[in-house]
Amino acid sequence: MHLVYFGSGAFGLPALRRLDEAHEILLVVTQPDRPAGRKRRLTPTPIAEFAQMRGIPIARPESVNEPAVVEDIRGRGAEGFVVIAYAHKLGPELLGDTFAINLHASLLPKYRGAAPINWAMINGERQTGLSVITLAQTMDAGSILARRVTEIDPMETAGELHDRLAEMGPDLVLETLDRHRSGTLQPSAQDESAATRAPRLTKADGTVAFDQPAEAVRCRVHGLTPWPGCTVMLEEKPLRLLRVEDVPTEGPLPGAGAIRDDLTVACESGAVRLLSVQPPGGKSMTFPAYCNGHQVAPGAKLRPVSPEQ
């Protein structure tokens, strides 16, 4: 098929590579170069970098629905549009009657929005997956064309799940295009009563309270890693939690957030073992190593970062 690909984030790279091998990409539409890094240099999106390497024409409009942009894209004569992590809605004038699909990182209708992987983990879901849907004018509300389910490993982070789902994406997208060409697609409407939201995370979301069950603490830490990250205060020093595990406990627990004799951290029920932590400007390390280097003893308390901090 002759396709136009819309995307910006690295999540869509595996699918774009496979599409470039199996179909003809007439145009890649991505976001404009943005300042990045400490020197704030203009940096292309991962999708733009790949397209440049492969010699695929690129469009970087600020607004994809501007008349001139619409005219250019529709003038390419594409048989289909593929949208993955583009972050902009395609309007009806652009879509027209072109076959268009979107790959979304959740089992829709759950977790519509910008951060489906993070919120599925934060909310303690045991499963997640991918959905290929038609495009609609309501966010992530199109008809479901294909789905793929996967278990969430309790010890993986949102970043690791992101990469794993991204590698699952190409097969599902290519299968959907093949079924479209063969006329065997069977779209199914989403159950609006079951729809949930997955709003974009901010840096202010990047902390955790310990006055909840240990499993919930673990889910939040992993759901926030690597971005926006999960930072807490240990006494008066910030500490980023990278990976934890919830562990069973016996006997009475000290107050939530208190470090126990075995260096686990008490929660509202159960405790968490901090497997990997990172001090500001430092490298990741084990929590016992951090305690040894910073003279932290049992009884010290961890607490969430307040909005003012």
C-alpha atoms as a PDB file:
ATOM      1  CA  MET A   1       0.000   0.000   0.000  1.00  0.00           C
ATOM      2  CA  HIS A   2       0.983   3.631  -0.500  1.00  0.00           C
ATOM      3  CA  LEU A   3       0.893   5.152   2.979  1.00  0.00           C
ATOM      4  CA  VAL A   4       1.349   8.410   4.839  1.00  0.00           C
ATOM      5  CA  TYR A   5       2.712   7.888   8.355  1.00  0.00           C
ATOM      6  CA  PHE A   6       1.899  10.302  11.184  1.00  0.00           C
ATOM      7  CA  GLY A   7       4.008  10.030  14.330  1.00  0.00           C
ATOM      8  CA  SER A   8       6.560  11.676  16.568  1.00  0.00           C
ATOM      9  CA  GLY A   9       7.432   9.442  19.510  1.00  0.00           C
ATOM     10  CA  ALA A  10       9.872   6.533  19.640  1.00  0.00           C
ATOM     11  CA  PHE A  11       6.943   4.212  20.390  1.00  0.00           C
ATOM     12  CA  GLY A  12       6.156   4.110  16.679  1.00  0.00           C
ATOM     13  CA  LEU A  13       9.680   3.425  15.405  1.00  0.00           C
ATOM     14  CA  PRO A  14       9.459  -0.390  15.228  1.00  0.00           C
ATOM     15  CA  ALA A  15       6.204  -0.152  13.274  1.00  0.00           C
ATOM     16  CA  LEU A  16       7.593   2.492  10.911  1.00  0.00           C
ATOM     17  CA  ARG A  17      10.637   0.323  10.165  1.00  0.00           C
ATOM     18  CA  ARG A  18       8.436  -2.632   9.242  1.00  0.00           C
ATOM     19  CA  LEU A  19       6.039  -0.476   7.227  1.00  0.00           C
ATOM     20  CA  ASP A  20       8.993   0.904   5.278  1.00  0.00           C
ATOM     21  CA  GLU A  21      10.004  -2.664   4.412  1.00  0.00           C
ATOM     22  CA  ALA A  22       6.530  -3.960   3.520  1.00  0.00           C
ATOM     23  CA  HIS A  23       4.823  -0.907   1.974  1.00  0.00           C
ATOM     24  CA  GLU A  24       5.682   2.386   0.306  1.00  0.00           C
ATOM     25  CA  ILE A  25       5.805   5.371   2.663  1.00  0.00           C
ATOM     26  CA  LEU A  26       4.973   8.423   0.582  1.00  0.00           C
ATOM     27  CA  LEU A  27       5.412  10.904   3.431  1.00  0.00           C
ATOM     28  CA  VAL A  28       6.200  11.012   7.127  1.00  0.00           C
ATOM     29  CA  VAL A  29       4.343  13.721   9.050  1.00  0.00           C
ATOM     30  CA  THR A  30       5.894  14.544  12.413  1.00  0.00           C
ATOM     31  CA  GLN A  31       6.201  17.413  14.854  1.00  0.00           C
ATOM     32  CA  PRO A  32       8.653  20.270  14.232  1.00  0.00           C
ATOM     33  CA  ASP A  33      12.154  20.091  15.675  1.00  0.00           C
ATOM     34  CA  ARG A  34      12.126  21.174  19.333  1.00  0.00           C
ATOM     35  CA  PRO A  35      14.828  22.427  21.730  1.00  0.00           C
ATOM     36  CA  ALA A  36      16.282  19.574  23.774  1.00  0.00           C
ATOM     37  CA  GLY A  37      19.125  18.944  26.180  1.00  0.00           C
ATOM     38  CA  ARG A  38      21.010  21.362  28.360  1.00  0.00           C
ATOM     39  CA  LYS A  39      22.066  23.449  25.379  1.00  0.00           C
ATOM     40  CA  ARG A  40      18.468  23.513  24.060  1.00  0.00           C
ATOM     41  CA  ARG A  41      19.523  22.608  20.550  1.00  0.00           C
ATOM     42  CA  LEU A  42      16.784  22.052  17.983  1.00  0.00           C
ATOM     43  CA  THR A  43      16.338  18.298  17.771  1.00  0.00           C
ATOM     44  CA  PRO A  44      14.257  16.275  15.311  1.00  0.00           C
ATOM     45  CA  THR A  45      11.791  13.678  16.541  1.00  0.00           C
ATOM     46  CA  PRO A  46      12.944  10.030  16.486  1.00  0.00           C
ATOM     47  CA  ILE A  47      10.538   9.507  13.593  1.00  0.00           C
ATOM     48  CA  ALA A  48      12.074  12.380  11.602  1.00  0.00           C
ATOM     49  CA  GLU A  49      15.565  10.998  12.210  1.00  0.00           C
ATOM     50  CA  PHE A  50      14.552   7.620  10.813  1.00  0.00           C
ATOM     51  CA  ALA A  51      12.829   9.158   7.803  1.00  0.00           C
ATOM     52  CA  GLN A  52      15.909  11.265   7.047  1.00  0.00           C
ATOM     53  CA  MET A  53      18.108   8.173   7.216  1.00  0.00           C
ATOM     54  CA  ARG A  54      15.799   6.287   4.839  1.00  0.00           C
ATOM     55  CA  GLY A  55      15.280   9.208   2.467  1.00  0.00           C
ATOM     56  CA  ILE A  56      11.522   9.385   3.073  1.00  0.00           C
ATOM     57  CA  PRO A  57       9.948  12.831   2.475  1.00  0.00           C
ATOM     58  CA  ILE A  58       9.110  14.609   5.748  1.00  0.00           C
ATOM     59  CA  ALA A  59       6.557  17.256   6.720  1.00  0.00           C
ATOM     60  CA  ARG A  60       6.869  19.042  10.069  1.00  0.00           C
ATOM     61  CA  PRO A  61       3.763  21.255  10.311  1.00  0.00           C
ATOM     62  CA  GLU A  62       2.858  23.127  13.471  1.00  0.00           C
ATOM     63  CA  SER A  63      -0.774  22.432  12.573  1.00  0.00           C
ATOM     64  CA  VAL A  64      -1.515  19.375  10.460  1.00  0.00           C
ATOM     65  CA  ASN A  65      -5.020  20.643   9.677  1.00  0.00           C
ATOM     66  CA  GLU A  66      -4.003  23.902   7.983  1.00  0.00           C
ATOM     67  CA  PRO A  67      -5.476  24.032   4.456  1.00  0.00           C
ATOM     68  CA  ALA A  68      -2.099  24.085   2.707  1.00  0.00           C
ATOM     69  CA  VAL A  69      -0.886  21.106   4.749  1.00  0.00           C
ATOM     70  CA  VAL A  70      -4.090  19.189   4.093  1.00  0.00           C
ATOM     71  CA  GLU A  71      -3.787  19.872   0.371  1.00  0.00           C
ATOM     72  CA  ASP A  72      -0.187  18.647   0.326  1.00  0.00           C
ATOM     73  CA  ILE A  73      -0.905  15.441   2.222  1.00  0.00           C
ATOM     74  CA  ARG A  74      -4.044  14.556   0.328  1.00  0.00           C
ATOM     75  CA  GLY A  75      -2.274  15.345  -2.941  1.00  0.00           C
ATOM     76  CA  ARG A  76       0.134  12.464  -2.313  1.00  0.00           C
ATOM     77  CA  GLY A  77      -2.579   9.965  -3.285  1.00  0.00           C
ATOM     78  CA  ALA A  78      -2.136   7.692  -0.270  1.00  0.00           C
ATOM     79  CA  GLU A  79      -4.234   4.561   0.071  1.00  0.00           C
ATOM     80  CA  GLY A  80      -3.998   4.706   3.849  1.00  0.00           C
ATOM     81  CA  PHE A  81      -2.861   6.722   6.861  1.00  0.00           C
ATOM     82  CA  VAL A  82      -1.098   5.133   9.836  1.00  0.00           C
ATOM     83  CA  VAL A  83      -1.017   7.203  13.045  1.00  0.00           C
ATOM     84  CA  ILE A  84       1.150   6.254  16.039  1.00  0.00           C
ATOM     85  CA  ALA A  85       2.011   8.600  18.920  1.00  0.00           C
ATOM     86  CA  TYR A  86       1.541  11.735  16.822  1.00  0.00           C
ATOM     87  CA  ALA A  87      -0.152  13.841  19.547  1.00  0.00           C
ATOM     88  CA  HIS A  88      -2.350  15.835  17.151  1.00  0.00           C
ATOM     89  CA  LYS A  89      -5.875  15.097  15.964  1.00  0.00           C
ATOM     90  CA  LEU A  90      -6.425  14.703  12.241  1.00  0.00           C
ATOM     91  CA  GLY A  91      -9.454  16.719  11.138  1.00  0.00           C
ATOM     92  CA  PRO A  92     -12.224  15.524   8.820  1.00  0.00           C
ATOM     93  CA  GLU A  93     -10.927  17.556   5.863  1.00  0.00           C
ATOM     94  CA  LEU A  94      -7.586  15.757   6.111  1.00  0.00           C
ATOM     95  CA  LEU A  95      -9.055  12.320   6.672  1.00  0.00           C
ATOM     96  CA  GLY A  96     -11.696  12.489   3.965  1.00  0.00           C
ATOM     97  CA  ASP A  97     -12.536   8.931   2.948  1.00  0.00           C
ATOM     98  CA  THR A  98      -8.961   7.641   3.313  1.00  0.00           C
ATOM     99  CA  PHE A  99      -8.554   4.417   5.287  1.00  0.00           C
ATOM    100  CA  ALA A 100      -6.830   5.557   8.495  1.00  0.00           C
ATOM    101  CA  ILE A 101      -5.745   3.619  11.582  1.00  0.00           C
ATOM    102  CA  ASN A 102      -4.209   4.473  14.935  1.00  0.00           C
ATOM    103  CA  LEU A 103      -2.108   2.207  17.155  1.00  0.00           C
ATOM    104  CA  HIS A 104      -2.827   2.914  20.839  1.00  0.00           C
ATOM    105  CA  ALA A 105      -0.996   1.435  23.831  1.00  0.00           C
ATOM    106  CA  SER A 106      -3.960   0.180  25.869  1.00  0.00           C
ATOM    107  CA  LEU A 107      -6.883  -2.197  25.702  1.00  0.00           C
ATOM    108  CA  LEU A 108      -9.466   0.348  24.650  1.00  0.00           C
ATOM    109  CA  PRO A 109     -11.843   1.707  25.792  1.00  0.00           C
ATOM    110  CA  LYS A 110      -9.676   1.764  28.953  1.00  0.00           C
ATOM    111  CA  TYR A 111      -6.968   4.412  29.196  1.00  0.00           C
ATOM    112  CA  ARG A 112      -7.762   6.860  26.442  1.00  0.00           C
ATOM    113  CA  GLY A 113      -5.249   9.675  26.414  1.00  0.00           C
ATOM    114  CA  ALA A 114      -1.574  10.567  26.406  1.00  0.00           C
ATOM    115  CA  ALA A 115      -0.214   8.237  29.112  1.00  0.00           C
ATOM    116  CA  PRO A 116      -1.968   4.852  28.859  1.00  0.00           C
ATOM    117  CA  ILE A 117       1.057   2.761  29.812  1.00  0.00           C
ATOM    118  CA  ASN A 118       1.795   4.787  32.949  1.00  0.00           C
ATOM    119  CA  TRP A 119      -1.778   4.820  34.238  1.00  0.00           C
ATOM    120  CA  ALA A 120      -2.354   1.133  33.587  1.00  0.00           C
ATOM    121  CA  MET A 121       0.659   0.408  35.809  1.00  0.00           C
ATOM    122  CA  ILE A 122      -0.150   3.029  38.442  1.00  0.00           C
ATOM    123  CA  ASN A 123      -3.672   1.626  38.763  1.00  0.00           C
ATOM    124  CA  GLY A 124      -2.384  -1.883  39.301  1.00  0.00           C
ATOM    125  CA  GLU A 125      -3.684  -3.481  36.100  1.00  0.00           C
ATOM    126  CA  ARG A 126      -2.540  -7.069  35.586  1.00  0.00           C
ATOM    127  CA  GLN A 127      -2.923  -6.865  31.811  1.00  0.00           C
ATOM    128  CA  THR A 128      -2.588  -4.252  29.122  1.00  0.00           C
ATOM    129  CA  GLY A 129      -1.934  -4.361  25.411  1.00  0.00           C
ATOM    130  CA  LEU A 130      -2.405  -2.672  22.064  1.00  0.00           C
ATOM    131  CA  SER A 131      -5.455  -1.575  20.114  1.00  0.00           C
ATOM    132  CA  VAL A 132      -5.653  -0.657  16.450  1.00  0.00           C
ATOM    133  CA  ILE A 133      -8.613   1.645  15.881  1.00  0.00           C
ATOM    134  CA  THR A 134     -10.174   3.816  13.219  1.00  0.00           C
ATOM    135  CA  LEU A 135      -9.755   7.559  13.669  1.00  0.00           C
ATOM    136  CA  ALA A 136     -12.561   9.537  15.286  1.00  0.00           C
ATOM    137  CA  GLN A 137     -13.015  13.153  16.287  1.00  0.00           C
ATOM    138  CA  THR A 138     -13.228  12.086  19.962  1.00  0.00           C
ATOM    139  CA  MET A 139      -9.826  11.089  21.344  1.00  0.00           C
ATOM    140  CA  ASP A 140      -9.110   7.350  21.011  1.00  0.00           C
ATOM    141  CA  ALA A 141     -12.806   6.587  20.497  1.00  0.00           C
ATOM    142  CA  GLY A 142     -12.681   4.964  17.047  1.00  0.00           C
ATOM    143  CA  SER A 143     -13.900   1.473  16.236  1.00  0.00           C
ATOM    144  CA  ILE A 144     -11.587  -1.355  17.298  1.00  0.00           C
ATOM    145  CA  LEU A 145     -10.013  -3.237  14.394  1.00  0.00           C
ATOM    146  CA  ALA A 146      -7.501  -5.401  16.265  1.00  0.00           C
ATOM    147  CA  ARG A 147      -6.144  -5.958  19.766  1.00  0.00           C
ATOM    148  CA  ARG A 148      -3.222  -7.707  21.405  1.00  0.00           C
ATOM    149  CA  VAL A 149      -3.112  -8.536  25.129  1.00  0.00           C
ATOM    150  CA  THR A 150      -0.028  -8.924  27.332  1.00  0.00           C
ATOM    151  CA  GLU A 151       0.585  -9.476  31.032  1.00  0.00           C
ATOM    152  CA  ILE A 152       2.257  -6.728  33.051  1.00  0.00           C
ATOM    153  CA  ASP A 153       5.308  -8.035  34.904  1.00  0.00           C
ATOM    154  CA  PRO A 154       5.217  -6.699  38.487  1.00  0.00           C
ATOM    155  CA  MET A 155       8.911  -5.879  38.289  1.00  0.00           C
ATOM    156  CA  GLU A 156       8.963  -3.984  34.975  1.00  0.00           C
ATOM    157  CA  THR A 157       8.834  -0.218  34.733  1.00  0.00           C
ATOM    158  CA  ALA A 158       6.700   1.906  32.447  1.00  0.00           C
ATOM    159  CA  GLY A 159       9.747   2.493  30.254  1.00  0.00           C
ATOM    160  CA  GLU A 160      10.356  -1.217  29.867  1.00  0.00           C
ATOM    161  CA  LEU A 161       6.687  -1.916  29.139  1.00  0.00           C
ATOM    162  CA  HIS A 162       6.703   0.946  26.598  1.00  0.00           C
ATOM    163  CA  ASP A 163       9.553  -0.701  24.701  1.00  0.00           C
ATOM    164  CA  ARG A 164       7.970  -4.149  24.860  1.00  0.00           C
ATOM    165  CA  LEU A 165       4.625  -2.894  23.545  1.00  0.00           C
ATOM    166  CA  ALA A 166       6.400  -0.930  20.811  1.00  0.00           C
ATOM    167  CA  GLU A 167       8.006  -4.163  19.578  1.00  0.00           C
ATOM    168  CA  MET A 168       4.583  -5.842  19.564  1.00  0.00           C
ATOM    169  CA  GLY A 169       3.112  -3.097  17.408  1.00  0.00           C
ATOM    170  CA  PRO A 170       4.439  -3.890  13.907  1.00  0.00           C
ATOM    171  CA  ASP A 171       2.770  -7.301  13.578  1.00  0.00           C
ATOM    172  CA  LEU A 172      -0.596  -5.919  14.670  1.00  0.00           C
ATOM    173  CA  VAL A 173      -0.413  -2.942  12.296  1.00  0.00           C
ATOM    174  CA  LEU A 174       0.658  -5.055   9.335  1.00  0.00           C
ATOM    175  CA  GLU A 175      -2.031  -7.650  10.053  1.00  0.00           C
ATOM    176  CA  THR A 176      -4.638  -4.886  10.109  1.00  0.00           C
ATOM    177  CA  LEU A 177      -3.486  -3.501   6.751  1.00  0.00           C
ATOM    178  CA  ASP A 178      -3.495  -6.996   5.231  1.00  0.00           C
ATOM    179  CA  ARG A 179      -7.024  -7.647   6.479  1.00  0.00           C
ATOM    180  CA  HIS A 180      -8.136  -4.286   5.087  1.00  0.00           C
ATOM    181  CA  ARG A 181      -6.813  -5.200   1.653  1.00  0.00           C
ATOM    182  CA  SER A 182      -8.482  -8.618   1.825  1.00  0.00           C
ATOM    183  CA  GLY A 183     -11.788  -7.116   2.994  1.00  0.00           C
ATOM    184  CA  THR A 184     -11.892  -9.193   6.191  1.00  0.00           C
ATOM    185  CA  LEU A 185     -11.757  -6.429   8.829  1.00  0.00           C
ATOM    186  CA  GLN A 186     -14.639  -6.507  11.314  1.00  0.00           C
ATOM    187  CA  PRO A 187     -14.729  -3.196  13.242  1.00  0.00           C
ATOM    188  CA  SER A 188     -16.365  -3.222  16.664  1.00  0.00           C
ATOM    189  CA  ALA A 189     -17.600  -0.118  18.486  1.00  0.00           C
ATOM    190  CA  GLN A 190     -16.079   0.743  21.855  1.00  0.00           C
ATOM    191  CA  ASP A 191     -18.204   0.487  24.982  1.00  0.00           C
ATOM    192  CA  GLU A 192     -18.395   4.132  26.036  1.00  0.00           C
ATOM    193  CA  SER A 193     -19.596   3.168  29.523  1.00  0.00           C
ATOM    194  CA  ALA A 194     -16.261   1.418  30.128  1.00  0.00           C
ATOM    195  CA  ALA A 195     -14.046   4.271  28.904  1.00  0.00           C
ATOM    196  CA  THR A 196     -11.377   5.588  31.289  1.00  0.00           C
ATOM    197  CA  ARG A 197      -8.857   8.391  30.936  1.00  0.00           C
ATOM    198  CA  ALA A 198      -5.067   8.430  30.915  1.00  0.00           C
ATOM    199  CA  PRO A 199      -4.129  12.115  31.133  1.00  0.00           C
ATOM    200  CA  ARG A 200      -0.634  13.378  30.463  1.00  0.00           C
ATOM    201  CA  LEU A 201       1.656  13.195  33.498  1.00  0.00           C
ATOM    202  CA  THR A 202       3.547  16.212  34.828  1.00  0.00           C
ATOM    203  CA  LYS A 203       6.609  16.576  37.022  1.00  0.00           C
ATOM    204  CA  ALA A 204       4.248  17.313  39.936  1.00  0.00           C
ATOM    205  CA  ASP A 205       2.922  13.744  39.650  1.00  0.00           C
ATOM    206  CA  GLY A 206       6.376  12.311  40.273  1.00  0.00           C
ATOM    207  CA  THR A 207       6.188  11.191  43.902  1.00  0.00           C
ATOM    208  CA  VAL A 208       4.558   8.531  46.070  1.00  0.00           C
ATOM    209  CA  ALA A 209       2.965   8.336  49.525  1.00  0.00           C
ATOM    210  CA  PHE A 210       3.549   5.308  51.740  1.00  0.00           C
ATOM    211  CA  ASP A 211       0.230   5.448  53.604  1.00  0.00           C
ATOM    212  CA  GLN A 212      -1.247   2.893  51.193  1.00  0.00           C
ATOM    213  CA  PRO A 213      -0.696  -0.833  50.568  1.00  0.00           C
ATOM    214  CA  ALA A 214       2.780  -1.871  49.501  1.00  0.00           C
ATOM    215  CA  GLU A 215       1.512  -3.159  46.152  1.00  0.00           C
ATOM    216  CA  ALA A 216       0.055   0.266  45.337  1.00  0.00           C
ATOM    217  CA  VAL A 217       3.393   1.903  46.194  1.00  0.00           C
ATOM    218  CA  ARG A 218       5.238  -0.476  43.899  1.00  0.00           C
ATOM    219  CA  CYS A 219       2.755   0.105  41.076  1.00  0.00           C
ATOM    220  CA  ARG A 220       3.103   3.868  41.319  1.00  0.00           C
ATOM    221  CA  VAL A 221       6.915   3.858  41.466  1.00  0.00           C
ATOM    222  CA  HIS A 222       7.183   1.632  38.409  1.00  0.00           C
ATOM    223  CA  GLY A 223       4.412   3.491  36.575  1.00  0.00           C
ATOM    224  CA  LEU A 224       6.331   6.764  36.968  1.00  0.00           C
ATOM    225  CA  THR A 225       9.688   5.376  35.827  1.00  0.00           C
ATOM    226  CA  PRO A 226      11.560   6.688  33.911  1.00  0.00           C
ATOM    227  CA  TRP A 227       9.398   9.814  33.424  1.00  0.00           C
ATOM    228  CA  PRO A 228       8.432  11.903  35.307  1.00  0.00           C
ATOM    229  CA  GLY A 229      10.281   9.730  37.820  1.00  0.00           C
ATOM    230  CA  CYS A 230       9.344   9.054  41.424  1.00  0.00           C
ATOM    231  CA  THR A 231      11.122  11.231  43.985  1.00  0.00           C
ATOM    232  CA  VAL A 232      10.615  11.170  47.749  1.00  0.00           C
ATOM    233  CA  MET A 233      12.220  12.959  50.647  1.00  0.00           C
ATOM    234  CA  LEU A 234      14.409  10.873  52.966  1.00  0.00           C
ATOM    235  CA  GLU A 235      14.577  13.086  56.000  1.00  0.00           C
ATOM    236  CA  GLU A 236      15.427  16.351  54.182  1.00  0.00           C
ATOM    237  CA  LYS A 237      17.187  14.937  51.114  1.00  0.00           C
ATOM    238  CA  PRO A 238      15.476  14.054  47.814  1.00  0.00           C
ATOM    239  CA  LEU A 239      15.885  10.510  46.568  1.00  0.00           C
ATOM    240  CA  ARG A 240      14.573   9.014  43.337  1.00  0.00           C
ATOM    241  CA  LEU A 241      13.122   5.503  43.533  1.00  0.00           C
ATOM    242  CA  LEU A 242      13.840   3.486  40.393  1.00  0.00           C
ATOM    243  CA  ARG A 243      12.674  -0.039  41.207  1.00  0.00           C
ATOM    244  CA  VAL A 244      11.017  -1.589  44.258  1.00  0.00           C
ATOM    245  CA  GLU A 245       9.300  -4.798  45.277  1.00  0.00           C
ATOM    246  CA  ASP A 246       6.507  -5.301  47.760  1.00  0.00           C
ATOM    247  CA  VAL A 247       7.311  -7.829  50.466  1.00  0.00           C
ATOM    248  CA  PRO A 248       5.224  -9.570  53.144  1.00  0.00           C
ATOM    249  CA  THR A 249       5.766  -8.549  56.757  1.00  0.00           C
ATOM    250  CA  GLU A 250       5.163 -10.051  60.184  1.00  0.00           C
ATOM    251  CA  GLY A 251       4.256  -8.290  63.399  1.00  0.00           C
ATOM    252  CA  PRO A 252       3.299  -4.648  63.896  1.00  0.00           C
ATOM    253  CA  LEU A 253       4.596  -2.066  61.455  1.00  0.00           C
ATOM    254  CA  PRO A 254       6.099   1.301  62.342  1.00  0.00           C
ATOM    255  CA  GLY A 255       4.487   4.398  60.832  1.00  0.00           C
ATOM    256  CA  ALA A 256       4.120   4.490  57.069  1.00  0.00           C
ATOM    257  CA  GLY A 257       7.347   5.560  55.379  1.00  0.00           C
ATOM    258  CA  ALA A 258       9.594   4.450  58.237  1.00  0.00           C
ATOM    259  CA  ILE A 259      12.706   2.435  57.427  1.00  0.00           C
ATOM    260  CA  ARG A 260      12.597  -0.918  59.198  1.00  0.00           C
ATOM    261  CA  ASP A 261      15.550  -2.841  60.645  1.00  0.00           C
ATOM    262  CA  ASP A 262      15.920  -4.849  57.417  1.00  0.00           C
ATOM    263  CA  LEU A 263      15.948  -1.574  55.419  1.00  0.00           C
ATOM    264  CA  THR A 264      12.518  -2.171  53.905  1.00  0.00           C
ATOM    265  CA  VAL A 265      10.048   0.702  54.096  1.00  0.00           C
ATOM    266  CA  ALA A 266       6.789   0.323  55.999  1.00  0.00           C
ATOM    267  CA  CYS A 267       3.563   1.021  54.138  1.00  0.00           C
ATOM    268  CA  GLU A 268      -0.065   1.188  55.258  1.00  0.00           C
ATOM    269  CA  SER A 269       0.044  -2.602  54.887  1.00  0.00           C
ATOM    270  CA  GLY A 270       3.131  -4.585  53.984  1.00  0.00           C
ATOM    271  CA  ALA A 271       6.470  -3.051  53.087  1.00  0.00           C
ATOM    272  CA  VAL A 272       8.551  -2.285  50.018  1.00  0.00           C
ATOM    273  CA  ARG A 273      12.175  -3.130  49.419  1.00  0.00           C
ATOM    274  CA  LEU A 274      13.973  -0.375  47.508  1.00  0.00           C
ATOM    275  CA  LEU A 275      16.007  -2.277  44.927  1.00  0.00           C
ATOM    276  CA  SER A 276      17.434   0.686  43.045  1.00  0.00           C
ATOM    277  CA  VAL A 277      17.595   4.358  44.032  1.00  0.00           C
ATOM    278  CA  GLN A 278      19.340   7.450  42.705  1.00  0.00           C
ATOM    279  CA  PRO A 279      20.451  10.554  44.618  1.00  0.00           C
ATOM    280  CA  PRO A 280      20.380  13.912  42.790  1.00  0.00           C
ATOM    281  CA  GLY A 281      23.238  14.102  40.319  1.00  0.00           C
ATOM    282  CA  GLY A 282      24.382  10.596  41.235  1.00  0.00           C
ATOM    283  CA  LYS A 283      24.230   7.106  39.769  1.00  0.00           C
ATOM    284  CA  SER A 284      21.710   4.404  40.552  1.00  0.00           C
ATOM    285  CA  MET A 285      22.621   2.180  43.490  1.00  0.00           C
ATOM    286  CA  THR A 286      21.141  -0.249  45.959  1.00  0.00           C
ATOM    287  CA  PHE A 287      19.360   1.213  48.955  1.00  0.00           C
ATOM    288  CA  PRO A 288      21.735  -0.423  51.481  1.00  0.00           C
ATOM    289  CA  ALA A 289      24.652   1.204  49.639  1.00  0.00           C
ATOM    290  CA  TYR A 290      22.882   4.560  49.791  1.00  0.00           C
ATOM    291  CA  CYS A 291      22.217   4.148  53.528  1.00  0.00           C
ATOM    292  CA  ASN A 292      25.851   3.262  54.199  1.00  0.00           C
ATOM    293  CA  GLY A 293      27.108   6.282  52.272  1.00  0.00           C
ATOM    294  CA  HIS A 294      24.646   8.765  53.802  1.00  0.00           C
ATOM    295  CA  GLN A 295      24.522   7.516  57.397  1.00  0.00           C
ATOM    296  CA  VAL A 296      20.849   6.549  57.165  1.00  0.00           C
ATOM    297  CA  ALA A 297      19.649   4.306  60.011  1.00  0.00           C
ATOM    298  CA  PRO A 298      16.432   2.364  60.636  1.00  0.00           C
ATOM    299  CA  GLY A 299      13.701   4.650  61.911  1.00  0.00           C
ATOM    300  CA  ALA A 300      14.375   7.386  59.373  1.00  0.00           C
ATOM    301  CA  LYS A 301      11.296   8.250  57.329  1.00  0.00           C
ATOM    302  CA  LEU A 302      10.516   8.700  53.663  1.00  0.00           C
ATOM    303  CA  ARG A 303       7.683  10.981  52.634  1.00  0.00           C
ATOM    304  CA  PRO A 304       6.279  12.275  49.360  1.00  0.00           C
ATOM    305  CA  VAL A 305       7.635  15.460  47.852  1.00  0.00           C
ATOM    306  CA  SER A 306       5.304  18.360  48.558  1.00  0.00           C
ATOM    307  CA  PRO A 307       4.178  20.615  45.679  1.00  0.00           C
ATOM    308  CA  GLU A 308       6.363  23.426  47.029  1.00  0.00           C
ATOM    309  CA  GLN A 309       9.457  21.235  46.777  1.00  0.00           C
END
